Each structure stands twice: as C-alpha cells, then as structure tokens.
Amino acid sequence: LVLLRTNDKITVSTHKNAKKVLENSLYSVVILHEDSGQIES
C-alpha cells in the first residue's frame, strides 16, 4: 500500500474486533479481507 500523505494512517484489526474498533474511530476507508468463501458471512 502506497500512502500519498505522511499523515495517512493504517490500522490492522481482526474480524472479531472490527466493529468495536470502527465505532471508536475516525476511519474513512475499510479494506475488508474476506477469505471464508462464505457469501452470507
């Protein structure tokens, strides 16, 4: 990943903690890695 500005920030979270991390933050973009192969999930 190439960051265009020095003040851009990336945080890594697990699926289990993602909602809690997102609720308490200012994230504007989420990259969701989905490897379960389950459409419903």
PDB file of all heavy atoms in Angstrom:
ATOM      1  N   LEU A   1       0.836  -1.202   0.000  1.00  0.00           N
ATOM      2  CA  LEU A   1       0.000   0.000   0.000  1.00  0.00           C
ATOM      3  C   LEU A   1       0.871   1.252   0.000  1.00  0.00           C
ATOM      4  O   LEU A   1       1.781   1.391   0.806  1.00  0.00           O
ATOM      5  CB  LEU A   1      -0.900  -0.010   1.234  1.00  0.00           C
ATOM      6  CG  LEU A   1      -2.124   0.871   1.217  1.00  0.00           C
ATOM      7  CD1 LEU A   1      -3.040   0.509   0.064  1.00  0.00           C
ATOM      8  CD2 LEU A   1      -2.882   0.730   2.519  1.00  0.00           C
ATOM      9  N   VAL A   2       0.586   2.153  -0.909  1.00  0.00           N
ATOM     10  CA  VAL A   2       1.342   3.399  -1.025  1.00  0.00           C
ATOM     11  C   VAL A   2       0.506   4.520  -0.408  1.00  0.00           C
ATOM     12  O   VAL A   2      -0.608   4.785  -0.850  1.00  0.00           O
ATOM     13  CB  VAL A   2       1.649   3.716  -2.500  1.00  0.00           C
ATOM     14  CG1 VAL A   2       2.335   5.071  -2.622  1.00  0.00           C
ATOM     15  CG2 VAL A   2       2.478   2.613  -3.121  1.00  0.00           C
ATOM     16  N   LEU A   3       1.052   5.158   0.589  1.00  0.00           N
ATOM     17  CA  LEU A   3       0.373   6.292   1.214  1.00  0.00           C
ATOM     18  C   LEU A   3       0.863   7.570   0.553  1.00  0.00           C
ATOM     19  O   LEU A   3       2.064   7.788   0.422  1.00  0.00           O
ATOM     20  CB  LEU A   3       0.664   6.317   2.711  1.00  0.00           C
ATOM     21  CG  LEU A   3       0.189   5.092   3.475  1.00  0.00           C
ATOM     22  CD1 LEU A   3       0.607   5.181   4.930  1.00  0.00           C
ATOM     23  CD2 LEU A   3      -1.310   4.920   3.358  1.00  0.00           C
ATOM     24  N   LEU A   4      -0.061   8.387   0.132  1.00  0.00           N
ATOM     25  CA  LEU A   4       0.293   9.601  -0.590  1.00  0.00           C
ATOM     26  C   LEU A   4       0.658  10.760   0.332  1.00  0.00           C
ATOM     27  O   LEU A   4       1.330  11.682  -0.082  1.00  0.00           O
ATOM     28  CB  LEU A   4      -0.855  10.009  -1.509  1.00  0.00           C
ATOM     29  CG  LEU A   4      -1.233   8.970  -2.558  1.00  0.00           C
ATOM     30  CD1 LEU A   4      -2.426   9.446  -3.367  1.00  0.00           C
ATOM     31  CD2 LEU A   4      -0.055   8.661  -3.465  1.00  0.00           C
ATOM     32  N   ARG A   5       0.203  10.694   1.569  1.00  0.00           N
ATOM     33  CA  ARG A   5       0.495  11.769   2.521  1.00  0.00           C
ATOM     34  C   ARG A   5       1.089  11.176   3.787  1.00  0.00           C
ATOM     35  O   ARG A   5       0.728  10.073   4.201  1.00  0.00           O
ATOM     36  CB  ARG A   5      -0.774  12.542   2.847  1.00  0.00           C
ATOM     37  CG  ARG A   5      -1.340  13.246   1.620  1.00  0.00           C
ATOM     38  CD  ARG A   5      -2.680  13.819   1.935  1.00  0.00           C
ATOM     39  NE  ARG A   5      -3.613  12.714   2.144  1.00  0.00           N
ATOM     40  CZ  ARG A   5      -4.843  12.684   1.662  1.00  0.00           C
ATOM     41  NH1 ARG A   5      -5.302  13.685   0.980  1.00  0.00           N
ATOM     42  NH2 ARG A   5      -5.626  11.653   1.872  1.00  0.00           N
ATOM     43  N   THR A   6       1.950  11.912   4.428  1.00  0.00           N
ATOM     44  CA  THR A   6       2.626  11.394   5.614  1.00  0.00           C
ATOM     45  C   THR A   6       1.694  11.225   6.804  1.00  0.00           C
ATOM     46  O   THR A   6       1.975  10.436   7.697  1.00  0.00           O
ATOM     47  CB  THR A   6       3.787  12.317   6.036  1.00  0.00           C
ATOM     48  OG1 THR A   6       3.281  13.630   6.233  1.00  0.00           O
ATOM     49  CG2 THR A   6       4.872  12.324   4.979  1.00  0.00           C
ATOM     50  N   ASN A   7       0.583  11.926   6.825  1.00  0.00           N
ATOM     51  CA  ASN A   7      -0.324  11.807   7.965  1.00  0.00           C
ATOM     52  C   ASN A   7      -1.450  10.786   7.751  1.00  0.00           C
ATOM     53  O   ASN A   7      -2.338  10.670   8.581  1.00  0.00           O
ATOM     54  CB  ASN A   7      -0.896  13.167   8.359  1.00  0.00           C
ATOM     55  CG  ASN A   7      -1.612  13.860   7.231  1.00  0.00           C
ATOM     56  OD1 ASN A   7      -1.480  13.484   6.068  1.00  0.00           O
ATOM     57  ND2 ASN A   7      -2.373  14.884   7.567  1.00  0.00           N
ATOM     58  N   ASP A   8      -1.421  10.044   6.654  1.00  0.00           N
ATOM     59  CA  ASP A   8      -2.358   8.936   6.471  1.00  0.00           C
ATOM     60  C   ASP A   8      -1.988   7.812   7.431  1.00  0.00           C
ATOM     61  O   ASP A   8      -0.816   7.551   7.662  1.00  0.00           O
ATOM     62  CB  ASP A   8      -2.318   8.409   5.038  1.00  0.00           C
ATOM     63  CG  ASP A   8      -2.944   9.372   4.039  1.00  0.00           C
ATOM     64  OD1 ASP A   8      -3.600  10.329   4.473  1.00  0.00           O
ATOM     65  OD2 ASP A   8      -2.761   9.158   2.832  1.00  0.00           O
ATOM     66  N   LYS A   9      -2.990   7.163   7.983  1.00  0.00           N
ATOM     67  CA  LYS A   9      -2.746   6.126   8.982  1.00  0.00           C
ATOM     68  C   LYS A   9      -3.480   4.838   8.613  1.00  0.00           C
ATOM     69  O   LYS A   9      -4.593   4.876   8.121  1.00  0.00           O
ATOM     70  CB  LYS A   9      -3.230   6.598  10.343  1.00  0.00           C
ATOM     71  CG  LYS A   9      -2.646   7.929  10.759  1.00  0.00           C
ATOM     72  CD  LYS A   9      -2.249   7.937  12.176  1.00  0.00           C
ATOM     73  CE  LYS A   9      -1.707   9.261  12.652  1.00  0.00           C
ATOM     74  NZ  LYS A   9      -0.945  10.053  11.785  1.00  0.00           N
ATOM     75  N   ILE A  10      -2.841   3.704   8.890  1.00  0.00           N
ATOM     76  CA  ILE A  10      -3.438   2.392   8.650  1.00  0.00           C
ATOM     77  C   ILE A  10      -3.402   1.605   9.958  1.00  0.00           C
ATOM     78  O   ILE A  10      -2.377   1.555  10.624  1.00  0.00           O
ATOM     79  CB  ILE A  10      -2.683   1.603   7.576  1.00  0.00           C
ATOM     80  CG1 ILE A  10      -2.620   2.388   6.281  1.00  0.00           C
ATOM     81  CG2 ILE A  10      -3.322   0.242   7.354  1.00  0.00           C
ATOM     82  CD1 ILE A  10      -1.708   1.772   5.249  1.00  0.00           C
ATOM     83  N   THR A  11      -4.527   0.994  10.282  1.00  0.00           N
ATOM     84  CA  THR A  11      -4.621   0.146  11.461  1.00  0.00           C
ATOM     85  C   THR A  11      -5.108  -1.219  11.012  1.00  0.00           C
ATOM     86  O   THR A  11      -5.965  -1.324  10.137  1.00  0.00           O
ATOM     87  CB  THR A  11      -5.626   0.732  12.476  1.00  0.00           C
ATOM     88  OG1 THR A  11      -5.202   2.044  12.826  1.00  0.00           O
ATOM     89  CG2 THR A  11      -5.731  -0.120  13.714  1.00  0.00           C
ATOM     90  N   VAL A  12      -4.571  -2.270  11.615  1.00  0.00           N
ATOM     91  CA  VAL A  12      -4.992  -3.637  11.305  1.00  0.00           C
ATOM     92  C   VAL A  12      -5.839  -4.154  12.460  1.00  0.00           C
ATOM     93  O   VAL A  12      -5.492  -3.965  13.627  1.00  0.00           O
ATOM     94  CB  VAL A  12      -3.772  -4.563  11.081  1.00  0.00           C
ATOM     95  CG1 VAL A  12      -4.229  -5.985  10.794  1.00  0.00           C
ATOM     96  CG2 VAL A  12      -2.903  -4.038   9.951  1.00  0.00           C
ATOM     97  N   SER A  13      -6.944  -4.806  12.114  1.00  0.00           N
ATOM     98  CA  SER A  13      -7.841  -5.381  13.109  1.00  0.00           C
ATOM     99  C   SER A  13      -8.297  -6.756  12.646  1.00  0.00           C
ATOM    100  O   SER A  13      -8.323  -7.037  11.448  1.00  0.00           O
ATOM    101  CB  SER A  13      -9.062  -4.480  13.298  1.00  0.00           C
ATOM    102  OG  SER A  13     -10.011  -5.092  14.155  1.00  0.00           O
ATOM    103  N   THR A  14      -8.681  -7.583  13.589  1.00  0.00           N
ATOM    104  CA  THR A  14      -9.284  -8.875  13.250  1.00  0.00           C
ATOM    105  C   THR A  14     -10.765  -8.665  12.986  1.00  0.00           C
ATOM    106  O   THR A  14     -11.342  -7.627  13.347  1.00  0.00           O
ATOM    107  CB  THR A  14      -9.117  -9.888  14.397  1.00  0.00           C
ATOM    108  OG1 THR A  14      -9.816  -9.391  15.544  1.00  0.00           O
ATOM    109  CG2 THR A  14      -7.649 -10.120  14.730  1.00  0.00           C
ATOM    110  N   HIS A  15     -11.399  -9.648  12.360  1.00  0.00           N
ATOM    111  CA  HIS A  15     -12.840  -9.565  12.111  1.00  0.00           C
ATOM    112  C   HIS A  15     -13.606  -9.439  13.429  1.00  0.00           C
ATOM    113  O   HIS A  15     -14.592  -8.717  13.517  1.00  0.00           O
ATOM    114  CB  HIS A  15     -13.325 -10.805  11.348  1.00  0.00           C
ATOM    115  CG  HIS A  15     -13.000 -10.762   9.895  1.00  0.00           C
ATOM    116  ND1 HIS A  15     -11.804 -11.182   9.394  1.00  0.00           N
ATOM    117  CD2 HIS A  15     -13.724 -10.335   8.837  1.00  0.00           C
ATOM    118  CE1 HIS A  15     -11.796 -11.028   8.082  1.00  0.00           C
ATOM    119  NE2 HIS A  15     -12.951 -10.510   7.717  1.00  0.00           N
ATOM    120  N   LYS A  16     -13.147 -10.145  14.448  1.00  0.00           N
ATOM    121  CA  LYS A  16     -13.844 -10.161  15.734  1.00  0.00           C
ATOM    122  C   LYS A  16     -13.894  -8.777  16.372  1.00  0.00           C
ATOM    123  O   LYS A  16     -14.904  -8.397  16.955  1.00  0.00           O
ATOM    124  CB  LYS A  16     -13.143 -11.149  16.674  1.00  0.00           C
ATOM    125  CG  LYS A  16     -13.799 -11.302  18.006  1.00  0.00           C
ATOM    126  CD  LYS A  16     -13.083 -12.321  18.851  1.00  0.00           C
ATOM    127  CE  LYS A  16     -13.749 -12.469  20.197  1.00  0.00           C
ATOM    128  NZ  LYS A  16     -13.083 -13.458  21.033  1.00  0.00           N
ATOM    129  N   ASN A  17     -12.830  -8.012  16.265  1.00  0.00           N
ATOM    130  CA  ASN A  17     -12.750  -6.700  16.910  1.00  0.00           C
ATOM    131  C   ASN A  17     -13.106  -5.540  15.995  1.00  0.00           C
ATOM    132  O   ASN A  17     -13.132  -4.394  16.433  1.00  0.00           O
ATOM    133  CB  ASN A  17     -11.332  -6.470  17.439  1.00  0.00           C
ATOM    134  CG  ASN A  17     -10.954  -7.467  18.494  1.00  0.00           C
ATOM    135  OD1 ASN A  17     -11.792  -7.959  19.222  1.00  0.00           O
ATOM    136  ND2 ASN A  17      -9.675  -7.794  18.558  1.00  0.00           N
ATOM    137  N   ALA A  18     -13.378  -5.802  14.738  1.00  0.00           N
ATOM    138  CA  ALA A  18     -13.523  -4.740  13.740  1.00  0.00           C
ATOM    139  C   ALA A  18     -14.628  -3.735  14.062  1.00  0.00           C
ATOM    140  O   ALA A  18     -14.415  -2.530  13.961  1.00  0.00           O
ATOM    141  CB  ALA A  18     -13.749  -5.345  12.363  1.00  0.00           C
ATOM    142  N   LYS A  19     -15.794  -4.213  14.421  1.00  0.00           N
ATOM    143  CA  LYS A  19     -16.912  -3.297  14.665  1.00  0.00           C
ATOM    144  C   LYS A  19     -16.600  -2.362  15.829  1.00  0.00           C
ATOM    145  O   LYS A  19     -16.835  -1.155  15.744  1.00  0.00           O
ATOM    146  CB  LYS A  19     -18.198  -4.074  14.926  1.00  0.00           C
ATOM    147  CG  LYS A  19     -19.417  -3.189  15.001  1.00  0.00           C
ATOM    148  CD  LYS A  19     -20.686  -3.987  15.095  1.00  0.00           C
ATOM    149  CE  LYS A  19     -21.888  -3.067  15.182  1.00  0.00           C
ATOM    150  NZ  LYS A  19     -23.139  -3.805  15.308  1.00  0.00           N
ATOM    151  N   LYS A  20     -16.038  -2.890  16.896  1.00  0.00           N
ATOM    152  CA  LYS A  20     -15.686  -2.078  18.066  1.00  0.00           C
ATOM    153  C   LYS A  20     -14.620  -1.039  17.707  1.00  0.00           C
ATOM    154  O   LYS A  20     -14.715   0.122  18.085  1.00  0.00           O
ATOM    155  CB  LYS A  20     -15.184  -2.971  19.194  1.00  0.00           C
ATOM    156  CG  LYS A  20     -14.830  -2.215  20.457  1.00  0.00           C
ATOM    157  CD  LYS A  20     -14.065  -3.103  21.400  1.00  0.00           C
ATOM    158  CE  LYS A  20     -14.877  -3.478  22.575  1.00  0.00           C
ATOM    159  NZ  LYS A  20     -14.101  -4.246  23.574  1.00  0.00           N
ATOM    160  N   VAL A  21     -13.602  -1.451  16.949  1.00  0.00           N
ATOM    161  CA  VAL A  21     -12.549  -0.533  16.529  1.00  0.00           C
ATOM    162  C   VAL A  21     -13.130   0.566  15.654  1.00  0.00           C
ATOM    163  O   VAL A  21     -12.801   1.742  15.808  1.00  0.00           O
ATOM    164  CB  VAL A  21     -11.429  -1.295  15.778  1.00  0.00           C
ATOM    165  CG1 VAL A  21     -10.447  -0.341  15.126  1.00  0.00           C
ATOM    166  CG2 VAL A  21     -10.699  -2.250  16.712  1.00  0.00           C
ATOM    167  N   LEU A  22     -14.008   0.200  14.750  1.00  0.00           N
ATOM    168  CA  LEU A  22     -14.609   1.159  13.824  1.00  0.00           C
ATOM    169  C   LEU A  22     -15.500   2.168  14.543  1.00  0.00           C
ATOM    170  O   LEU A  22     -15.475   3.356  14.222  1.00  0.00           O
ATOM    171  CB  LEU A  22     -15.404   0.420  12.750  1.00  0.00           C
ATOM    172  CG  LEU A  22     -15.939   1.241  11.601  1.00  0.00           C
ATOM    173  CD1 LEU A  22     -14.786   1.875  10.824  1.00  0.00           C
ATOM    174  CD2 LEU A  22     -16.774   0.381  10.683  1.00  0.00           C
ATOM    175  N   GLU A  23     -16.259   1.707  15.515  1.00  0.00           N
ATOM    176  CA  GLU A  23     -17.176   2.587  16.245  1.00  0.00           C
ATOM    177  C   GLU A  23     -16.435   3.687  17.004  1.00  0.00           C
ATOM    178  O   GLU A  23     -16.961   4.775  17.188  1.00  0.00           O
ATOM    179  CB  GLU A  23     -18.017   1.779  17.233  1.00  0.00           C
ATOM    180  CG  GLU A  23     -19.054   0.923  16.580  1.00  0.00           C
ATOM    181  CD  GLU A  23     -19.775   0.013  17.548  1.00  0.00           C
ATOM    182  OE1 GLU A  23     -19.219  -0.316  18.619  1.00  0.00           O
ATOM    183  OE2 GLU A  23     -20.899  -0.383  17.216  1.00  0.00           O
ATOM    184  N   ASN A  24     -15.239   3.398  17.464  1.00  0.00           N
ATOM    185  CA  ASN A  24     -14.487   4.339  18.287  1.00  0.00           C
ATOM    186  C   ASN A  24     -13.361   5.010  17.516  1.00  0.00           C
ATOM    187  O   ASN A  24     -12.275   5.207  18.046  1.00  0.00           O
ATOM    188  CB  ASN A  24     -13.908   3.607  19.506  1.00  0.00           C
ATOM    189  CG  ASN A  24     -14.990   2.994  20.354  1.00  0.00           C
ATOM    190  OD1 ASN A  24     -15.984   3.634  20.642  1.00  0.00           O
ATOM    191  ND2 ASN A  24     -14.819   1.751  20.727  1.00  0.00           N
ATOM    192  N   SER A  25     -13.617   5.360  16.254  1.00  0.00           N
ATOM    193  CA  SER A  25     -12.530   5.872  15.428  1.00  0.00           C
ATOM    194  C   SER A  25     -13.021   6.869  14.398  1.00  0.00           C
ATOM    195  O   SER A  25     -14.208   7.137  14.287  1.00  0.00           O
ATOM    196  CB  SER A  25     -11.871   4.708  14.711  1.00  0.00           C
ATOM    197  OG  SER A  25     -12.771   4.204  13.739  1.00  0.00           O
ATOM    198  N   LEU A  26     -12.066   7.356  13.617  1.00  0.00           N
ATOM    199  CA  LEU A  26     -12.369   8.273  12.519  1.00  0.00           C
ATOM    200  C   LEU A  26     -12.017   7.649  11.180  1.00  0.00           C
ATOM    201  O   LEU A  26     -11.670   8.349  10.236  1.00  0.00           O
ATOM    202  CB  LEU A  26     -11.589   9.578  12.703  1.00  0.00           C
ATOM    203  CG  LEU A  26     -11.933  10.382  13.938  1.00  0.00           C
ATOM    204  CD1 LEU A  26     -10.991  11.573  14.074  1.00  0.00           C
ATOM    205  CD2 LEU A  26     -13.379  10.842  13.895  1.00  0.00           C
ATOM    206  N   TYR A  27     -12.093   6.329  11.064  1.00  0.00           N
ATOM    207  CA  TYR A  27     -11.743   5.667   9.804  1.00  0.00           C
ATOM    208  C   TYR A  27     -12.708   6.069   8.706  1.00  0.00           C
ATOM    209  O   TYR A  27     -13.908   6.141   8.915  1.00  0.00           O
ATOM    210  CB  TYR A  27     -11.743   4.144   9.966  1.00  0.00           C
ATOM    211  CG  TYR A  27     -10.697   3.674  10.923  1.00  0.00           C
ATOM    212  CD1 TYR A  27     -11.036   3.216  12.176  1.00  0.00           C
ATOM    213  CD2 TYR A  27      -9.353   3.714  10.573  1.00  0.00           C
ATOM    214  CE1 TYR A  27     -10.066   2.803  13.067  1.00  0.00           C
ATOM    215  CE2 TYR A  27      -8.380   3.317  11.460  1.00  0.00           C
ATOM    216  CZ  TYR A  27      -8.742   2.859  12.702  1.00  0.00           C
ATOM    217  OH  TYR A  27      -7.780   2.471  13.584  1.00  0.00           O
ATOM    218  N   SER A  28     -12.159   6.321   7.526  1.00  0.00           N
ATOM    219  CA  SER A  28     -12.991   6.682   6.383  1.00  0.00           C
ATOM    220  C   SER A  28     -12.986   5.588   5.319  1.00  0.00           C
ATOM    221  O   SER A  28     -13.863   5.542   4.477  1.00  0.00           O
ATOM    222  CB  SER A  28     -12.522   8.003   5.774  1.00  0.00           C
ATOM    223  OG  SER A  28     -11.150   7.941   5.445  1.00  0.00           O
ATOM    224  N   VAL A  29     -11.994   4.705   5.369  1.00  0.00           N
ATOM    225  CA  VAL A  29     -11.869   3.620   4.402  1.00  0.00           C
ATOM    226  C   VAL A  29     -11.598   2.324   5.156  1.00  0.00           C
ATOM    227  O   VAL A  29     -10.781   2.282   6.080  1.00  0.00           O
ATOM    228  CB  VAL A  29     -10.717   3.886   3.404  1.00  0.00           C
ATOM    229  CG1 VAL A  29     -10.536   2.717   2.454  1.00  0.00           C
ATOM    230  CG2 VAL A  29     -10.946   5.174   2.639  1.00  0.00           C
ATOM    231  N   VAL A  30     -12.281   1.261   4.737  1.00  0.00           N
ATOM    232  CA  VAL A  30     -12.057  -0.068   5.303  1.00  0.00           C
ATOM    233  C   VAL A  30     -11.662  -1.007   4.173  1.00  0.00           C
ATOM    234  O   VAL A  30     -12.321  -1.048   3.140  1.00  0.00           O
ATOM    235  CB  VAL A  30     -13.324  -0.614   6.002  1.00  0.00           C
ATOM    236  CG1 VAL A  30     -13.159  -2.061   6.396  1.00  0.00           C
ATOM    237  CG2 VAL A  30     -13.672   0.236   7.213  1.00  0.00           C
ATOM    238  N   ILE A  31     -10.571  -1.723   4.363  1.00  0.00           N
ATOM    239  CA  ILE A  31     -10.194  -2.800   3.450  1.00  0.00           C
ATOM    240  C   ILE A  31     -10.559  -4.086   4.170  1.00  0.00           C
ATOM    241  O   ILE A  31      -9.988  -4.415   5.205  1.00  0.00           O
ATOM    242  CB  ILE A  31      -8.688  -2.776   3.115  1.00  0.00           C
ATOM    243  CG1 ILE A  31      -8.309  -1.452   2.462  1.00  0.00           C
ATOM    244  CG2 ILE A  31      -8.342  -3.958   2.202  1.00  0.00           C
ATOM    245  CD1 ILE A  31      -6.818  -1.268   2.251  1.00  0.00           C
ATOM    246  N   LEU A  32     -11.545  -4.786   3.644  1.00  0.00           N
ATOM    247  CA  LEU A  32     -12.066  -5.997   4.277  1.00  0.00           C
ATOM    248  C   LEU A  32     -11.533  -7.219   3.546  1.00  0.00           C
ATOM    249  O   LEU A  32     -11.904  -7.473   2.395  1.00  0.00           O
ATOM    250  CB  LEU A  32     -13.599  -5.979   4.251  1.00  0.00           C
ATOM    251  CG  LEU A  32     -14.321  -7.211   4.791  1.00  0.00           C
ATOM    252  CD1 LEU A  32     -13.985  -7.438   6.265  1.00  0.00           C
ATOM    253  CD2 LEU A  32     -15.817  -7.064   4.603  1.00  0.00           C
ATOM    254  N   HIS A  33     -10.645  -7.954   4.201  1.00  0.00           N
ATOM    255  CA  HIS A  33     -10.119  -9.186   3.627  1.00  0.00           C
ATOM    256  C   HIS A  33     -11.075 -10.313   4.002  1.00  0.00           C
ATOM    257  O   HIS A  33     -11.273 -10.610   5.172  1.00  0.00           O
ATOM    258  CB  HIS A  33      -8.724  -9.488   4.170  1.00  0.00           C
ATOM    259  CG  HIS A  33      -8.184 -10.796   3.713  1.00  0.00           C
ATOM    260  ND1 HIS A  33      -7.652 -11.719   4.579  1.00  0.00           N
ATOM    261  CD2 HIS A  33      -8.106 -11.354   2.481  1.00  0.00           C
ATOM    262  CE1 HIS A  33      -7.248 -12.770   3.894  1.00  0.00           C
ATOM    263  NE2 HIS A  33      -7.529 -12.575   2.624  1.00  0.00           N
ATOM    264  N   GLU A  34     -11.677 -10.907   3.004  1.00  0.00           N
ATOM    265  CA  GLU A  34     -12.650 -11.977   3.229  1.00  0.00           C
ATOM    266  C   GLU A  34     -12.130 -13.247   2.599  1.00  0.00           C
ATOM    267  O   GLU A  34     -12.082 -13.365   1.381  1.00  0.00           O
ATOM    268  CB  GLU A  34     -14.002 -11.572   2.652  1.00  0.00           C
ATOM    269  CG  GLU A  34     -15.147 -12.415   3.100  1.00  0.00           C
ATOM    270  CD  GLU A  34     -15.303 -12.466   4.606  1.00  0.00           C
ATOM    271  OE1 GLU A  34     -15.631 -11.454   5.226  1.00  0.00           O
ATOM    272  OE2 GLU A  34     -15.086 -13.562   5.174  1.00  0.00           O
ATOM    273  N   ASP A  35     -11.738 -14.182   3.447  1.00  0.00           N
ATOM    274  CA  ASP A  35     -11.190 -15.431   2.929  1.00  0.00           C
ATOM    275  C   ASP A  35     -12.021 -16.646   3.301  1.00  0.00           C
ATOM    276  O   ASP A  35     -11.629 -17.770   3.042  1.00  0.00           O
ATOM    277  CB  ASP A  35      -9.753 -15.625   3.399  1.00  0.00           C
ATOM    278  CG  ASP A  35      -9.643 -15.752   4.902  1.00  0.00           C
ATOM    279  OD1 ASP A  35     -10.632 -15.480   5.594  1.00  0.00           O
ATOM    280  OD2 ASP A  35      -8.559 -16.124   5.376  1.00  0.00           O
ATOM    281  N   SER A  36     -13.190 -16.411   3.867  1.00  0.00           N
ATOM    282  CA  SER A  36     -14.007 -17.544   4.305  1.00  0.00           C
ATOM    283  C   SER A  36     -14.673 -18.268   3.145  1.00  0.00           C
ATOM    284  O   SER A  36     -15.006 -19.438   3.258  1.00  0.00           O
ATOM    285  CB  SER A  36     -15.083 -17.072   5.291  1.00  0.00           C
ATOM    286  OG  SER A  36     -16.028 -16.267   4.618  1.00  0.00           O
ATOM    287  N   GLY A  37     -14.895 -17.569   2.040  1.00  0.00           N
ATOM    288  CA  GLY A  37     -15.579 -18.180   0.911  1.00  0.00           C
ATOM    289  C   GLY A  37     -17.080 -18.290   1.112  1.00  0.00           C
ATOM    290  O   GLY A  37     -17.792 -18.818   0.268  1.00  0.00           O
ATOM    291  N   GLN A  38     -17.564 -17.789   2.225  1.00  0.00           N
ATOM    292  CA  GLN A  38     -18.984 -17.850   2.537  1.00  0.00           C
ATOM    293  C   GLN A  38     -19.641 -16.512   2.218  1.00  0.00           C
ATOM    294  O   GLN A  38     -19.359 -15.506   2.869  1.00  0.00           O
ATOM    295  CB  GLN A  38     -19.194 -18.178   4.015  1.00  0.00           C
ATOM    296  CG  GLN A  38     -18.570 -19.484   4.453  1.00  0.00           C
ATOM    297  CD  GLN A  38     -19.236 -20.672   3.796  1.00  0.00           C
ATOM    298  OE1 GLN A  38     -20.460 -20.687   3.614  1.00  0.00           O
ATOM    299  NE2 GLN A  38     -18.455 -21.664   3.440  1.00  0.00           N
ATOM    300  N   ILE A  39     -20.501 -16.502   1.218  1.00  0.00           N
ATOM    301  CA  ILE A  39     -21.149 -15.265   0.795  1.00  0.00           C
ATOM    302  C   ILE A  39     -21.945 -14.640   1.943  1.00  0.00           C
ATOM    303  O   ILE A  39     -21.872 -13.432   2.168  1.00  0.00           O
ATOM    304  CB  ILE A  39     -22.070 -15.521  -0.421  1.00  0.00           C
ATOM    305  CG1 ILE A  39     -21.224 -15.930  -1.619  1.00  0.00           C
ATOM    306  CG2 ILE A  39     -22.918 -14.300  -0.741  1.00  0.00           C
ATOM    307  CD1 ILE A  39     -22.016 -16.368  -2.822  1.00  0.00           C
ATOM    308  N   GLU A  40     -22.672 -15.445   2.679  1.00  0.00           N
ATOM    309  CA  GLU A  40     -23.505 -14.930   3.766  1.00  0.00           C
ATOM    310  C   GLU A  40     -22.657 -14.262   4.841  1.00  0.00           C
ATOM    311  O   GLU A  40     -23.013 -13.217   5.374  1.00  0.00           O
ATOM    312  CB  GLU A  40     -24.343 -16.057   4.395  1.00  0.00           C
ATOM    313  CG  GLU A  40     -25.331 -16.694   3.454  1.00  0.00           C
ATOM    314  CD  GLU A  40     -24.702 -17.757   2.543  1.00  0.00           C
ATOM    315  OE1 GLU A  40     -23.601 -18.246   2.853  1.00  0.00           O
ATOM    316  OE2 GLU A  40     -25.301 -18.062   1.510  1.00  0.00           O
ATOM    317  N   SER A  41     -21.513 -14.849   5.142  1.00  0.00           N
ATOM    318  CA  SER A  41     -20.608 -14.280   6.139  1.00  0.00           C
ATOM    319  C   SER A  41     -20.070 -12.928   5.680  1.00  0.00           C
ATOM    320  O   SER A  41     -19.975 -11.981   6.471  1.00  0.00           O
ATOM    321  CB  SER A  41     -19.456 -15.254   6.398  1.00  0.00           C
ATOM    322  OG  SER A  41     -18.492 -14.675   7.219  1.00  0.00           O
TER     323      SER A  41
END
